[in-house]
């Protein structure tokens, strides 16, 4: 059986879009529990509002290879302050996604979001681009 997790890539990069994403995931996959959200953001984003919109979820903060990307450690700190569960893993997007796919037991559902740069690096890591 194919028990690999489902990976959803979504270019949501506003808190409103993040909330819509969360709602649609919960209704589409009610049995999946809390998804692990691989998220990274550009420096002009309201990361706190975005994280609140995604909650409750478990996040793996990443940082896209862009000069505008917020460091993963900064996202981790904000999430921790908000009481959101943060996984430790690689800060690079592709490495983070691969790390989750290899973990055992891995999450049933992995959502990659926060910026188009993050989504395109994840696509490349998954061999989709």
N, C-alpha and C. Protein backbone atom coordinates (compact mmCIF):
# COMPACT_ATOMS: atom_id res chain seq x y z
N UNK A 1 0.84 -1.19 0.00
CA UNK A 1 0.00 0.00 0.00
C UNK A 1 0.87 1.24 0.00
N UNK A 2 0.38 2.29 -0.60
CA UNK A 2 1.14 3.53 -0.65
C UNK A 2 0.85 4.35 0.59
N UNK A 3 1.69 4.17 1.60
CA UNK A 3 1.42 4.89 2.85
C UNK A 3 2.28 6.14 2.96
N UNK A 4 2.75 6.61 1.83
CA UNK A 4 3.49 7.88 1.85
C UNK A 4 2.52 8.99 2.20
N UNK A 5 3.01 10.00 2.90
CA UNK A 5 2.09 11.10 3.24
C UNK A 5 1.63 11.85 1.99
N UNK A 6 0.50 12.48 2.11
CA UNK A 6 0.02 13.35 1.05
C UNK A 6 0.71 14.69 1.24
N UNK A 7 1.20 15.28 0.16
CA UNK A 7 1.85 16.59 0.23
C UNK A 7 1.02 17.60 -0.56
N UNK A 8 0.64 18.67 0.11
CA UNK A 8 -0.13 19.73 -0.54
C UNK A 8 0.73 20.98 -0.63
N UNK A 9 0.83 21.52 -1.84
CA UNK A 9 1.60 22.75 -2.04
C UNK A 9 0.60 23.87 -2.29
N UNK A 10 0.72 24.94 -1.52
CA UNK A 10 -0.22 26.04 -1.68
C UNK A 10 0.51 27.36 -1.54
N UNK A 11 0.36 28.22 -2.54
CA UNK A 11 1.08 29.50 -2.53
C UNK A 11 0.49 30.55 -1.61
N UNK A 12 -0.36 30.13 -0.67
CA UNK A 12 -0.97 31.09 0.27
C UNK A 12 0.12 31.96 0.90
N UNK A 13 -0.04 33.27 0.82
CA UNK A 13 0.97 34.11 1.47
C UNK A 13 0.36 35.31 2.17
N UNK A 14 -0.94 35.18 2.52
CA UNK A 14 -1.58 36.16 3.40
C UNK A 14 -2.30 35.39 4.49
N UNK A 15 -2.51 36.01 5.66
CA UNK A 15 -3.23 35.31 6.74
C UNK A 15 -4.62 34.84 6.30
N UNK A 16 -5.29 35.64 5.48
CA UNK A 16 -6.63 35.26 5.02
C UNK A 16 -6.56 33.99 4.17
N UNK A 17 -5.56 33.94 3.28
CA UNK A 17 -5.38 32.75 2.44
C UNK A 17 -5.00 31.55 3.30
N UNK A 18 -4.21 31.78 4.34
CA UNK A 18 -3.79 30.69 5.23
C UNK A 18 -5.00 30.10 5.95
N UNK A 19 -5.91 30.97 6.35
CA UNK A 19 -7.11 30.50 7.05
C UNK A 19 -7.99 29.67 6.11
N UNK A 20 -8.13 30.15 4.87
CA UNK A 20 -8.92 29.41 3.87
C UNK A 20 -8.28 28.05 3.60
N UNK A 21 -6.96 28.03 3.54
CA UNK A 21 -6.23 26.79 3.31
C UNK A 21 -6.49 25.81 4.45
N UNK A 22 -6.39 26.30 5.68
CA UNK A 22 -6.60 25.43 6.84
C UNK A 22 -8.00 24.84 6.84
N UNK A 23 -9.00 25.69 6.58
CA UNK A 23 -10.38 25.23 6.57
C UNK A 23 -10.61 24.18 5.49
N UNK A 24 -10.07 24.41 4.29
CA UNK A 24 -10.30 23.44 3.22
C UNK A 24 -9.58 22.13 3.47
N UNK A 25 -8.40 22.19 4.07
CA UNK A 25 -7.67 20.96 4.39
C UNK A 25 -8.42 20.14 5.44
N UNK A 26 -8.92 20.84 6.47
CA UNK A 26 -9.65 20.12 7.52
C UNK A 26 -10.90 19.45 6.98
N UNK A 27 -11.60 20.12 6.03
CA UNK A 27 -12.81 19.49 5.52
C UNK A 27 -12.49 18.39 4.51
N UNK A 28 -11.39 18.54 3.77
CA UNK A 28 -11.03 17.53 2.77
C UNK A 28 -10.40 16.29 3.41
N UNK A 29 -9.65 16.48 4.50
CA UNK A 29 -8.94 15.36 5.13
C UNK A 29 -9.21 15.32 6.62
N UNK A 30 -10.47 15.11 7.02
CA UNK A 30 -10.79 15.16 8.44
C UNK A 30 -10.04 14.11 9.26
N UNK A 31 -9.66 13.01 8.61
CA UNK A 31 -9.02 11.91 9.34
C UNK A 31 -7.51 12.10 9.47
N UNK A 32 -6.97 13.13 8.86
CA UNK A 32 -5.51 13.26 8.83
C UNK A 32 -4.93 13.89 10.10
N UNK A 33 -5.78 14.37 10.99
CA UNK A 33 -5.27 15.03 12.19
C UNK A 33 -4.61 16.35 11.83
N UNK A 34 -3.75 16.83 12.72
CA UNK A 34 -3.08 18.10 12.44
C UNK A 34 -2.02 17.89 11.36
N UNK A 35 -2.09 18.66 10.29
CA UNK A 35 -1.05 18.53 9.27
C UNK A 35 0.27 19.11 9.79
N UNK A 36 1.37 18.67 9.20
CA UNK A 36 2.63 19.36 9.46
C UNK A 36 2.76 20.39 8.35
N UNK A 37 2.91 21.64 8.76
CA UNK A 37 2.99 22.72 7.79
C UNK A 37 4.44 23.18 7.65
N UNK A 38 4.99 22.95 6.47
CA UNK A 38 6.33 23.44 6.16
C UNK A 38 6.12 24.87 5.68
N UNK A 39 6.60 25.85 6.45
CA UNK A 39 6.31 27.22 6.07
C UNK A 39 7.52 28.13 6.15
N UNK A 40 7.59 29.00 5.17
CA UNK A 40 8.64 30.01 5.12
C UNK A 40 8.03 31.28 4.55
N UNK A 41 8.62 32.41 4.89
CA UNK A 41 7.99 33.68 4.54
C UNK A 41 9.00 34.70 4.06
N UNK A 42 8.51 35.63 3.24
CA UNK A 42 9.32 36.78 2.85
C UNK A 42 9.25 37.80 3.98
N UNK A 43 10.26 38.64 4.06
CA UNK A 43 10.40 39.55 5.21
C UNK A 43 9.31 40.59 5.33
N UNK A 44 8.50 40.78 4.28
CA UNK A 44 7.45 41.81 4.38
C UNK A 44 6.13 41.23 4.89
N UNK A 45 6.13 39.95 5.28
CA UNK A 45 4.87 39.31 5.68
C UNK A 45 4.61 39.40 7.18
N UNK A 46 3.33 39.38 7.55
CA UNK A 46 2.94 39.35 8.96
C UNK A 46 2.93 37.88 9.39
N UNK A 47 4.09 37.41 9.78
CA UNK A 47 4.27 35.99 10.10
C UNK A 47 3.38 35.56 11.25
N UNK A 48 3.29 36.41 12.27
CA UNK A 48 2.47 36.07 13.43
C UNK A 48 1.01 35.81 13.04
N UNK A 49 0.44 36.71 12.26
CA UNK A 49 -0.95 36.55 11.83
C UNK A 49 -1.12 35.29 10.98
N UNK A 50 -0.12 35.02 10.16
CA UNK A 50 -0.16 33.84 9.30
C UNK A 50 -0.16 32.57 10.15
N UNK A 51 0.73 32.53 11.14
CA UNK A 51 0.83 31.35 12.02
C UNK A 51 -0.46 31.14 12.82
N UNK A 52 -1.04 32.22 13.31
CA UNK A 52 -2.29 32.13 14.05
C UNK A 52 -3.39 31.56 13.15
N UNK A 53 -3.40 32.00 11.88
CA UNK A 53 -4.41 31.53 10.93
C UNK A 53 -4.27 30.03 10.65
N UNK A 54 -3.04 29.52 10.73
CA UNK A 54 -2.79 28.10 10.45
C UNK A 54 -3.09 27.20 11.64
N UNK A 55 -3.08 27.77 12.83
CA UNK A 55 -3.21 26.96 14.04
C UNK A 55 -4.60 26.34 14.15
N UNK A 56 -4.80 25.18 14.78
CA UNK A 56 -3.71 24.38 15.35
C UNK A 56 -3.06 23.52 14.27
N UNK A 57 -1.78 23.68 14.12
CA UNK A 57 -1.05 22.77 13.26
C UNK A 57 0.35 22.67 13.83
N UNK A 58 1.12 21.79 13.27
CA UNK A 58 2.50 21.60 13.71
C UNK A 58 3.33 22.19 12.59
N UNK A 59 4.31 23.00 12.90
CA UNK A 59 5.06 23.59 11.80
C UNK A 59 6.51 23.15 11.76
N UNK A 60 7.03 23.12 10.54
CA UNK A 60 8.47 22.97 10.32
C UNK A 60 8.88 24.25 9.60
N UNK A 61 9.52 25.17 10.32
CA UNK A 61 9.89 26.44 9.70
C UNK A 61 11.07 26.25 8.75
N UNK A 62 10.98 26.90 7.59
CA UNK A 62 12.06 26.83 6.62
C UNK A 62 12.36 28.22 6.09
N UNK A 63 13.44 28.32 5.35
CA UNK A 63 13.83 29.60 4.79
C UNK A 63 14.22 29.38 3.33
N UNK A 64 13.51 30.04 2.42
CA UNK A 64 13.81 29.90 0.99
C UNK A 64 15.17 30.53 0.69
N UNK A 65 15.78 30.09 -0.40
CA UNK A 65 17.08 30.62 -0.80
C UNK A 65 16.89 31.97 -1.48
N UNK A 66 16.44 32.94 -0.71
CA UNK A 66 16.18 34.27 -1.24
C UNK A 66 16.62 35.29 -0.21
N UNK A 67 17.12 36.41 -0.68
CA UNK A 67 17.60 37.43 0.25
C UNK A 67 16.45 38.02 1.07
N UNK A 68 15.21 37.83 0.59
CA UNK A 68 14.06 38.39 1.29
C UNK A 68 13.47 37.41 2.30
N UNK A 69 14.01 36.20 2.37
CA UNK A 69 13.43 35.19 3.25
C UNK A 69 13.76 35.45 4.72
N UNK A 70 12.76 35.26 5.57
CA UNK A 70 12.98 35.36 7.02
C UNK A 70 13.69 34.08 7.48
N UNK A 71 14.69 34.19 8.35
CA UNK A 71 15.37 32.99 8.84
C UNK A 71 14.38 32.03 9.53
N UNK A 72 14.57 30.74 9.30
CA UNK A 72 13.69 29.72 9.89
C UNK A 72 13.65 29.84 11.41
N UNK A 73 14.78 30.19 12.01
CA UNK A 73 14.86 30.29 13.47
C UNK A 73 13.94 31.38 14.01
N UNK A 74 13.78 32.45 13.23
CA UNK A 74 12.91 33.55 13.64
C UNK A 74 11.43 33.10 13.62
N UNK A 75 11.08 32.33 12.58
CA UNK A 75 9.71 31.79 12.48
C UNK A 75 9.46 30.85 13.66
N UNK A 76 10.46 30.03 13.98
CA UNK A 76 10.35 29.09 15.10
C UNK A 76 10.09 29.83 16.41
N UNK A 77 10.81 30.92 16.63
CA UNK A 77 10.64 31.70 17.86
C UNK A 77 9.24 32.29 17.96
N UNK A 78 8.75 32.86 16.85
CA UNK A 78 7.41 33.44 16.84
C UNK A 78 6.36 32.36 17.12
N UNK A 79 6.52 31.22 16.49
CA UNK A 79 5.55 30.13 16.65
C UNK A 79 5.54 29.63 18.09
N UNK A 80 6.72 29.49 18.67
CA UNK A 80 6.84 29.02 20.05
C UNK A 80 6.14 29.98 21.01
N UNK A 81 6.33 31.28 20.78
CA UNK A 81 5.66 32.30 21.60
C UNK A 81 4.14 32.17 21.50
N UNK A 82 3.65 31.75 20.34
CA UNK A 82 2.21 31.61 20.12
C UNK A 82 1.67 30.27 20.60
N UNK A 83 2.56 29.42 21.12
CA UNK A 83 2.12 28.12 21.60
C UNK A 83 1.91 27.11 20.49
N UNK A 84 2.51 27.36 19.33
CA UNK A 84 2.40 26.42 18.21
C UNK A 84 3.56 25.44 18.28
N UNK A 85 3.26 24.17 18.03
CA UNK A 85 4.29 23.14 18.10
C UNK A 85 5.24 23.25 16.91
N UNK A 86 6.53 23.32 17.21
CA UNK A 86 7.54 23.49 16.18
C UNK A 86 8.43 22.24 16.11
N UNK A 87 8.56 21.69 14.92
CA UNK A 87 9.45 20.55 14.73
C UNK A 87 10.84 21.06 14.40
N UNK A 88 11.84 20.32 14.84
CA UNK A 88 13.20 20.68 14.44
C UNK A 88 13.55 19.90 13.19
N UNK A 89 14.16 20.57 12.27
CA UNK A 89 14.53 19.95 11.02
C UNK A 89 15.38 20.92 10.24
N UNK A 90 15.79 20.53 9.03
CA UNK A 90 16.63 21.40 8.23
C UNK A 90 15.91 22.71 7.88
N UNK A 91 16.66 23.79 7.79
CA UNK A 91 16.06 25.09 7.48
C UNK A 91 15.84 25.29 5.98
N UNK A 92 16.57 24.53 5.15
CA UNK A 92 16.38 24.64 3.70
C UNK A 92 15.09 23.93 3.31
N UNK A 93 14.33 24.53 2.39
CA UNK A 93 13.01 24.00 2.04
C UNK A 93 13.05 22.55 1.58
N UNK A 94 13.86 22.27 0.57
CA UNK A 94 13.92 20.91 0.03
C UNK A 94 14.34 19.89 1.07
N UNK A 95 15.35 20.24 1.86
CA UNK A 95 15.82 19.33 2.91
C UNK A 95 14.74 19.10 3.96
N UNK A 96 14.00 20.15 4.28
CA UNK A 96 12.93 20.03 5.27
C UNK A 96 11.84 19.08 4.81
N UNK A 97 11.43 19.23 3.54
CA UNK A 97 10.39 18.36 2.98
C UNK A 97 10.88 16.91 2.96
N UNK A 98 12.10 16.70 2.49
CA UNK A 98 12.65 15.33 2.43
C UNK A 98 12.78 14.73 3.83
N UNK A 99 13.15 15.55 4.79
CA UNK A 99 13.28 15.11 6.18
C UNK A 99 11.93 14.57 6.69
N UNK A 100 10.85 15.27 6.40
CA UNK A 100 9.52 14.82 6.83
C UNK A 100 9.10 13.54 6.11
N UNK A 101 9.42 13.45 4.83
CA UNK A 101 9.05 12.26 4.06
C UNK A 101 9.79 11.02 4.55
N UNK A 102 10.98 11.23 5.10
CA UNK A 102 11.77 10.10 5.60
C UNK A 102 11.46 9.74 7.04
N UNK A 103 10.82 10.65 7.79
CA UNK A 103 10.63 10.38 9.21
C UNK A 103 9.60 9.28 9.42
N UNK A 104 9.79 8.51 10.47
CA UNK A 104 8.96 7.35 10.72
C UNK A 104 8.58 7.30 12.19
N UNK A 105 7.30 7.37 12.57
CA UNK A 105 6.19 7.56 11.64
C UNK A 105 6.14 9.00 11.16
N UNK A 106 5.92 9.18 9.90
CA UNK A 106 5.84 10.53 9.36
C UNK A 106 4.42 11.05 9.47
N UNK A 107 4.24 12.33 9.19
CA UNK A 107 2.88 12.88 9.19
C UNK A 107 2.06 12.31 8.04
N UNK A 108 0.74 12.26 8.22
CA UNK A 108 -0.13 11.78 7.15
C UNK A 108 -0.27 12.85 6.07
N UNK A 109 -0.13 14.10 6.51
CA UNK A 109 -0.38 15.21 5.62
C UNK A 109 0.67 16.29 5.82
N UNK A 110 1.33 16.66 4.73
CA UNK A 110 2.33 17.72 4.78
C UNK A 110 1.83 18.86 3.89
N UNK A 111 1.79 20.05 4.44
CA UNK A 111 1.36 21.21 3.68
C UNK A 111 2.54 22.16 3.56
N UNK A 112 2.85 22.57 2.34
CA UNK A 112 3.96 23.50 2.13
C UNK A 112 3.37 24.83 1.70
N UNK A 113 3.69 25.90 2.44
CA UNK A 113 3.06 27.19 2.14
C UNK A 113 3.87 28.36 2.68
N UNK A 114 3.37 29.56 2.46
CA UNK A 114 3.99 30.77 3.03
C UNK A 114 4.53 31.72 1.99
N UNK A 115 5.08 31.16 0.92
CA UNK A 115 5.55 32.03 -0.16
C UNK A 115 5.70 31.20 -1.42
N UNK A 116 5.69 31.87 -2.57
CA UNK A 116 5.85 31.15 -3.83
C UNK A 116 7.25 30.57 -3.94
N UNK A 117 8.24 31.26 -3.35
CA UNK A 117 9.61 30.75 -3.38
C UNK A 117 9.69 29.41 -2.64
N UNK A 118 9.03 29.33 -1.48
CA UNK A 118 9.03 28.09 -0.70
C UNK A 118 8.36 26.96 -1.50
N UNK A 119 7.22 27.26 -2.10
CA UNK A 119 6.50 26.25 -2.87
C UNK A 119 7.33 25.78 -4.07
N UNK A 120 8.00 26.70 -4.76
CA UNK A 120 8.76 26.26 -5.93
C UNK A 120 9.99 25.44 -5.54
N UNK A 121 10.61 25.75 -4.40
CA UNK A 121 11.73 24.92 -3.94
C UNK A 121 11.24 23.53 -3.52
N UNK A 122 10.05 23.48 -2.93
CA UNK A 122 9.48 22.18 -2.54
C UNK A 122 9.15 21.36 -3.78
N UNK A 123 8.60 22.01 -4.80
CA UNK A 123 8.29 21.30 -6.06
C UNK A 123 9.57 20.68 -6.64
N UNK A 124 10.63 21.44 -6.63
CA UNK A 124 11.90 20.93 -7.16
C UNK A 124 12.38 19.72 -6.35
N UNK A 125 12.26 19.82 -5.01
CA UNK A 125 12.71 18.73 -4.14
C UNK A 125 11.89 17.47 -4.36
N UNK A 126 10.63 17.65 -4.73
CA UNK A 126 9.74 16.51 -4.96
C UNK A 126 9.82 16.02 -6.40
N UNK A 127 10.65 16.65 -7.19
CA UNK A 127 10.80 16.25 -8.58
C UNK A 127 9.63 16.63 -9.45
N UNK A 128 8.92 17.71 -9.08
CA UNK A 128 7.73 18.10 -9.82
C UNK A 128 7.95 19.25 -10.79
N UNK A 129 9.14 19.87 -10.73
CA UNK A 129 9.27 21.05 -11.58
C UNK A 129 9.99 20.78 -12.88
